[in-house]
Amino acid sequence: MWREFEKRTKGKTLVSPGVTSLNWLQHFLQQCHNCTVVHIAAHAYRCIAQQIMAYLKQAWDRFHKPIWLTEFACPHTSLVDAQLRLMRELLSLWEVATYVFRYAWFTSRWLHHHDGAWVDGSASLMKEISAELSTLGHYYIKFKFMCSTLLFY
């Protein structure tokens, strides 16, 4: 299917499938001989910044392609302060990590907090059932104006 995808996106920058398992991605790339992949897309759901950094460095060391972290957040907390601490630590680290191409927080909005989802509503960039930014959303937006690698997902 990737070959068909390449044909339909001729001339576009292609990013790998977004994964949490580098082994899965390595297997995919081994099976897809000479496939075009410019960036590695990864997801990281951990609550410790250094663990996420180690995972991204491992991805860089394994594939030697810039990393596009398409989703990241702390799944094991309902505390906004813990989410904010993780966000602050990581965003500053990524601005100096040359192997991190782009990143996007997960998630921009939850309609209902504490609904049993993998990542708690405390990670939302928007206030519950509102068009207002949450504490995290305000921090993330302010960071956008300081840096050029920020994307919403």
Protein backbone atom coordinates (compact mmCIF):
# COMPACT_ATOMS: atom_id res chain seq x y z
CA MET A 1 0.00 0.00 0.00
CA TRP A 2 2.93 2.36 0.66
CA ARG A 3 3.98 2.17 -2.99
CA GLU A 4 0.49 3.28 -4.03
CA PHE A 5 0.67 6.07 -1.46
CA GLU A 6 4.02 7.21 -2.92
CA LYS A 7 2.51 7.33 -6.44
CA ARG A 8 -0.42 9.44 -5.28
CA THR A 9 1.77 11.85 -3.34
CA LYS A 10 4.53 12.32 -5.90
CA GLY A 11 6.62 15.38 -5.06
CA LYS A 12 5.41 15.55 -1.45
CA THR A 13 7.49 15.08 1.67
CA LEU A 14 6.57 11.67 3.07
CA VAL A 15 6.53 10.90 6.77
CA SER A 16 6.53 7.33 8.07
CA PRO A 17 3.46 5.83 9.71
CA GLY A 18 3.15 7.21 13.27
CA VAL A 19 4.21 4.56 15.76
CA THR A 20 4.89 3.88 19.41
CA SER A 21 6.97 0.81 18.51
CA LEU A 22 10.28 1.40 16.78
CA ASN A 23 10.50 -2.35 16.15
CA TRP A 24 7.25 -2.24 14.17
CA LEU A 25 8.57 0.67 12.11
CA GLN A 26 11.88 -1.08 11.48
CA HIS A 27 10.00 -4.16 10.26
CA PHE A 28 7.81 -1.97 8.02
CA LEU A 29 10.85 -0.26 6.47
CA GLN A 30 12.63 -3.60 5.96
CA GLN A 31 9.60 -5.01 4.13
CA CYS A 32 9.12 -1.87 2.04
CA HIS A 33 12.39 -1.91 0.09
CA ASN A 34 13.51 1.52 -1.18
CA CYS A 35 10.39 3.22 0.11
CA THR A 36 10.52 6.99 0.39
CA VAL A 37 10.37 8.16 4.00
CA VAL A 38 11.85 11.58 4.78
CA HIS A 39 10.83 11.90 8.43
CA ILE A 40 10.02 9.38 11.16
CA ALA A 41 6.64 9.91 12.82
CA ALA A 42 6.44 8.77 16.41
CA HIS A 43 4.05 8.92 19.34
CA ALA A 44 5.30 9.13 22.93
CA TYR A 45 3.04 8.57 25.91
CA ARG A 46 5.29 8.73 28.92
CA CYS A 47 5.33 11.04 31.91
CA ILE A 48 9.09 11.49 32.28
CA ALA A 49 10.80 13.85 29.83
CA GLN A 50 14.10 11.97 29.84
CA GLN A 51 12.33 8.72 28.88
CA ILE A 52 10.73 10.45 25.90
CA MET A 53 14.07 12.01 24.93
CA ALA A 54 15.76 8.60 25.11
CA TYR A 55 13.01 7.09 22.90
CA LEU A 56 13.43 9.86 20.31
CA LYS A 57 17.21 9.57 20.35
CA GLN A 58 16.86 5.82 19.87
CA ALA A 59 14.62 6.50 16.85
CA TRP A 60 17.22 8.89 15.43
CA ASP A 61 20.07 6.45 16.04
CA ARG A 62 18.15 3.62 14.41
CA PHE A 63 16.73 5.39 11.32
CA HIS A 64 18.90 8.51 10.89
CA LYS A 65 15.92 10.58 9.83
CA PRO A 66 14.50 13.67 11.55
CA ILE A 67 11.76 12.84 14.05
CA TRP A 68 8.26 14.26 13.82
CA LEU A 69 6.62 13.55 17.17
CA THR A 70 2.98 13.56 16.13
CA GLU A 71 1.54 12.88 19.59
CA PHE A 72 2.88 13.26 23.11
CA ALA A 73 1.35 13.63 26.58
CA CYS A 74 1.39 12.02 29.99
CA PRO A 75 -1.28 9.32 30.07
CA HIS A 76 -0.96 8.45 33.75
CA THR A 77 -2.14 11.60 35.48
CA SER A 78 -5.21 13.74 35.93
CA LEU A 79 -3.11 16.65 37.22
CA VAL A 80 -2.77 19.65 34.93
CA ASP A 81 0.43 20.65 36.76
CA ALA A 82 2.04 17.31 35.86
CA GLN A 83 1.06 17.74 32.18
CA LEU A 84 2.40 21.30 32.20
CA ARG A 85 5.68 20.24 33.81
CA LEU A 86 6.17 17.59 31.12
CA MET A 87 5.29 20.04 28.35
CA ARG A 88 7.68 22.71 29.66
CA GLU A 89 10.58 20.28 30.01
CA LEU A 90 10.12 18.72 26.60
CA LEU A 91 9.52 21.82 24.53
CA SER A 92 12.76 23.41 25.73
CA LEU A 93 14.69 20.18 25.13
CA TRP A 94 13.36 19.82 21.60
CA GLU A 95 14.39 23.28 20.57
CA VAL A 96 18.02 22.19 20.95
CA ALA A 97 17.66 18.53 19.88
CA THR A 98 18.65 18.69 16.21
CA TYR A 99 17.03 15.32 15.49
CA VAL A 100 13.53 16.55 16.47
CA PHE A 101 11.99 18.08 13.35
CA ARG A 102 8.47 18.86 14.65
CA TYR A 103 6.15 17.96 17.47
CA ALA A 104 2.46 18.12 18.34
CA TRP A 105 0.78 17.78 21.74
CA PHE A 106 -1.97 15.23 22.18
CA THR A 107 -4.74 16.36 22.47
CA SER A 108 -6.24 19.71 21.58
CA ARG A 109 -9.67 19.03 23.08
CA TRP A 110 -11.60 16.52 25.13
CA LEU A 111 -15.35 16.90 25.24
CA HIS A 112 -15.57 15.06 28.55
CA HIS A 113 -12.86 14.73 31.17
CA HIS A 114 -12.34 11.41 32.99
CA ASP A 115 -14.13 9.37 30.33
CA GLY A 116 -11.79 6.38 30.56
CA ALA A 117 -9.69 7.43 27.57
CA TRP A 118 -5.99 6.50 27.35
CA VAL A 119 -4.90 10.10 28.00
CA ASP A 120 -6.82 12.02 30.67
CA GLY A 121 -8.69 15.25 29.90
CA SER A 122 -6.09 17.10 31.98
CA ALA A 123 -3.97 17.01 28.81
CA SER A 124 -6.45 19.09 26.81
CA LEU A 125 -5.31 22.37 25.29
CA MET A 126 -8.90 23.64 25.57
CA LYS A 127 -11.16 24.02 28.59
CA GLU A 128 -13.93 21.45 28.82
CA ILE A 129 -16.91 22.24 26.59
CA SER A 130 -15.52 25.69 25.80
CA ALA A 131 -13.70 27.65 23.14
CA GLU A 132 -11.22 28.92 25.75
CA LEU A 133 -7.65 27.73 26.04
CA SER A 134 -6.71 25.72 29.09
CA THR A 135 -3.57 26.42 31.13
CA LEU A 136 -1.73 24.01 28.84
CA GLY A 137 -3.19 25.66 25.76
CA HIS A 138 -1.99 29.09 26.86
CA TYR A 139 1.52 27.81 27.46
CA TYR A 140 1.60 25.92 24.15
CA ILE A 141 0.36 28.93 22.14
CA LYS A 142 2.89 31.26 23.77
CA PHE A 143 5.61 28.79 22.90
CA LYS A 144 4.41 28.86 19.27
CA PHE A 145 5.34 32.49 18.95
CA MET A 146 8.82 31.82 20.31
CA CYS A 147 9.61 28.83 18.08
CA SER A 148 8.95 27.70 14.54
CA THR A 149 8.56 23.94 15.04
CA LEU A 150 5.17 23.92 16.77
CA LEU A 151 2.21 22.19 15.16
CA PHE A 152 -1.26 21.26 16.37
CA TYR A 153 -2.50 17.73 15.84
